[in-house]
Amino acid sequence: MSALYNHMVAALREHWTAHSQQYPQRFELTDAALRELNDTRKLVNDTMNYVLRPGWEALFLGVPVQGGGAVNALVAVDGSLHPLAEHAPAA
């Protein structure tokens, strides 16, 4: 799986821990990163013969995802922006 996917999962886990299991507002990704994420997710699902539900591109593990961001970031429940590069998963 792509590094972007792993960074998003790590950021989401950190957010849940820091905010009493509340979901963040959204992920904001650059357009290129959103394409990469969705291409990877589609490839994995197609390979496994899973059927994608309508609107799958707009959610990541239950969190809304939008493109057009200047950087790849998680927008916390309190509205603060957390760049995904800060959430590198442990090696």
C-alpha atoms as a PDB file:
ATOM      1  CA  MET A   1       0.000   0.000   0.000  1.00  0.00           C
ATOM      2  CA  SER A   2       1.181   3.531  -0.620  1.00  0.00           C
ATOM      3  CA  ALA A   3       2.966   5.641   1.991  1.00  0.00           C
ATOM      4  CA  LEU A   4       0.079   8.122   1.783  1.00  0.00           C
ATOM      5  CA  TYR A   5      -2.376   5.451   2.952  1.00  0.00           C
ATOM      6  CA  ASN A   6      -0.116   4.584   5.897  1.00  0.00           C
ATOM      7  CA  HIS A   7       0.299   8.262   6.857  1.00  0.00           C
ATOM      8  CA  MET A   8      -3.478   8.733   6.783  1.00  0.00           C
ATOM      9  CA  VAL A   9      -4.080   5.700   9.009  1.00  0.00           C
ATOM     10  CA  ALA A  10      -1.405   6.876  11.480  1.00  0.00           C
ATOM     11  CA  ALA A  11      -2.891  10.389  11.615  1.00  0.00           C
ATOM     12  CA  LEU A  12      -6.384   9.005  12.175  1.00  0.00           C
ATOM     13  CA  ARG A  13      -5.214   6.764  15.029  1.00  0.00           C
ATOM     14  CA  GLU A  14      -3.393   9.672  16.674  1.00  0.00           C
ATOM     15  CA  HIS A  15      -6.477  11.854  16.315  1.00  0.00           C
ATOM     16  CA  TRP A  16      -8.735   9.256  17.927  1.00  0.00           C
ATOM     17  CA  THR A  17      -6.307   8.943  20.838  1.00  0.00           C
ATOM     18  CA  ALA A  18      -5.998  12.710  21.316  1.00  0.00           C
ATOM     19  CA  HIS A  19      -9.716  13.480  20.923  1.00  0.00           C
ATOM     20  CA  SER A  20     -11.583  10.761  22.857  1.00  0.00           C
ATOM     21  CA  GLN A  21     -12.282   8.612  19.776  1.00  0.00           C
ATOM     22  CA  GLN A  22     -13.942  11.478  17.858  1.00  0.00           C
ATOM     23  CA  TYR A  23     -13.594  11.516  14.104  1.00  0.00           C
ATOM     24  CA  PRO A  24     -11.727  14.390  12.459  1.00  0.00           C
ATOM     25  CA  GLN A  25     -13.598  16.799  10.200  1.00  0.00           C
ATOM     26  CA  ARG A  26     -11.851  15.576   7.038  1.00  0.00           C
ATOM     27  CA  PHE A  27      -8.662  14.801   5.176  1.00  0.00           C
ATOM     28  CA  GLU A  28      -7.513  17.493   2.733  1.00  0.00           C
ATOM     29  CA  LEU A  29      -5.215  16.182   0.012  1.00  0.00           C
ATOM     30  CA  THR A  30      -3.559  17.697  -3.012  1.00  0.00           C
ATOM     31  CA  ASP A  31      -5.292  16.688  -6.238  1.00  0.00           C
ATOM     32  CA  ALA A  32      -2.352  14.455  -7.182  1.00  0.00           C
ATOM     33  CA  ALA A  33      -2.387  12.728  -3.790  1.00  0.00           C
ATOM     34  CA  LEU A  34      -6.144  12.157  -3.983  1.00  0.00           C
ATOM     35  CA  ARG A  35      -5.740  10.554  -7.418  1.00  0.00           C
ATOM     36  CA  GLU A  36      -2.897   8.351  -6.107  1.00  0.00           C
ATOM     37  CA  LEU A  37      -4.940   7.285  -3.081  1.00  0.00           C
ATOM     38  CA  ASN A  38      -8.038   6.455  -5.108  1.00  0.00           C
ATOM     39  CA  ASP A  39      -6.062   4.657  -7.831  1.00  0.00           C
ATOM     40  CA  THR A  40      -4.376   2.491  -5.194  1.00  0.00           C
ATOM     41  CA  ARG A  41      -7.604   1.777  -3.344  1.00  0.00           C
ATOM     42  CA  LYS A  42      -9.401   0.885  -6.580  1.00  0.00           C
ATOM     43  CA  LEU A  43      -6.587  -1.411  -7.684  1.00  0.00           C
ATOM     44  CA  VAL A  44      -6.635  -3.279  -4.364  1.00  0.00           C
ATOM     45  CA  ASN A  45     -10.420  -3.629  -4.424  1.00  0.00           C
ATOM     46  CA  ASP A  46     -10.471  -4.743  -8.062  1.00  0.00           C
ATOM     47  CA  THR A  47      -7.731  -7.288  -7.393  1.00  0.00           C
ATOM     48  CA  MET A  48      -9.703  -8.727  -4.496  1.00  0.00           C
ATOM     49  CA  ASN A  49     -12.962  -8.692  -6.522  1.00  0.00           C
ATOM     50  CA  TYR A  50     -14.641  -6.385  -3.997  1.00  0.00           C
ATOM     51  CA  VAL A  51     -17.517  -4.262  -5.206  1.00  0.00           C
ATOM     52  CA  LEU A  52     -17.015  -0.563  -4.547  1.00  0.00           C
ATOM     53  CA  ARG A  53     -20.066   1.270  -3.263  1.00  0.00           C
ATOM     54  CA  PRO A  54     -21.101   4.547  -4.863  1.00  0.00           C
ATOM     55  CA  GLY A  55     -19.252   7.468  -3.279  1.00  0.00           C
ATOM     56  CA  TRP A  56     -16.334   5.381  -1.987  1.00  0.00           C
ATOM     57  CA  GLU A  57     -13.885   8.011  -3.239  1.00  0.00           C
ATOM     58  CA  ALA A  58     -15.238  10.618  -0.818  1.00  0.00           C
ATOM     59  CA  LEU A  59     -14.511   8.650   2.373  1.00  0.00           C
ATOM     60  CA  PHE A  60     -11.431   7.123   3.981  1.00  0.00           C
ATOM     61  CA  LEU A  61     -12.209   4.838   6.920  1.00  0.00           C
ATOM     62  CA  GLY A  62     -15.349   6.880   7.547  1.00  0.00           C
ATOM     63  CA  VAL A  63     -13.664  10.284   7.269  1.00  0.00           C
ATOM     64  CA  PRO A  64     -14.559  12.649   4.414  1.00  0.00           C
ATOM     65  CA  VAL A  65     -11.747  13.236   1.912  1.00  0.00           C
ATOM     66  CA  GLN A  66     -11.440  16.230  -0.382  1.00  0.00           C
ATOM     67  CA  GLY A  67      -8.927  17.315  -2.971  1.00  0.00           C
ATOM     68  CA  GLY A  68      -7.612  20.759  -3.770  1.00  0.00           C
ATOM     69  CA  GLY A  69      -5.528  21.121  -0.630  1.00  0.00           C
ATOM     70  CA  ALA A  70      -2.181  22.905  -0.644  1.00  0.00           C
ATOM     71  CA  VAL A  71      -0.709  20.096   1.478  1.00  0.00           C
ATOM     72  CA  ASN A  72      -1.849  16.653   2.559  1.00  0.00           C
ATOM     73  CA  ALA A  73      -3.383  17.110   5.992  1.00  0.00           C
ATOM     74  CA  LEU A  74      -5.923  15.952   8.523  1.00  0.00           C
ATOM     75  CA  VAL A  75      -8.387  18.584   9.746  1.00  0.00           C
ATOM     76  CA  ALA A  76      -9.024  17.755  13.399  1.00  0.00           C
ATOM     77  CA  VAL A  77     -12.372  17.887  15.125  1.00  0.00           C
ATOM     78  CA  ASP A  78     -11.345  21.301  16.539  1.00  0.00           C
ATOM     79  CA  GLY A  79     -10.519  22.621  13.042  1.00  0.00           C
ATOM     80  CA  SER A  80      -6.736  22.543  13.422  1.00  0.00           C
ATOM     81  CA  LEU A  81      -4.720  21.404  10.406  1.00  0.00           C
ATOM     82  CA  HIS A  82      -2.197  18.575  10.871  1.00  0.00           C
ATOM     83  CA  PRO A  83       0.073  17.889   7.887  1.00  0.00           C
ATOM     84  CA  LEU A  84       0.353  14.163   7.194  1.00  0.00           C
ATOM     85  CA  ALA A  85       4.154  14.299   7.064  1.00  0.00           C
ATOM     86  CA  GLU A  86       4.030  14.758  10.862  1.00  0.00           C
ATOM     87  CA  HIS A  87       2.266  11.414  11.178  1.00  0.00           C
ATOM     88  CA  ALA A  88       4.843   9.079   9.723  1.00  0.00           C
ATOM     89  CA  PRO A  89       4.091   5.508  10.777  1.00  0.00           C
ATOM     90  CA  ALA A  90       6.652   3.697  12.880  1.00  0.00           C
ATOM     91  CA  ALA A  91       9.131   1.688  10.837  1.00  0.00           C
END
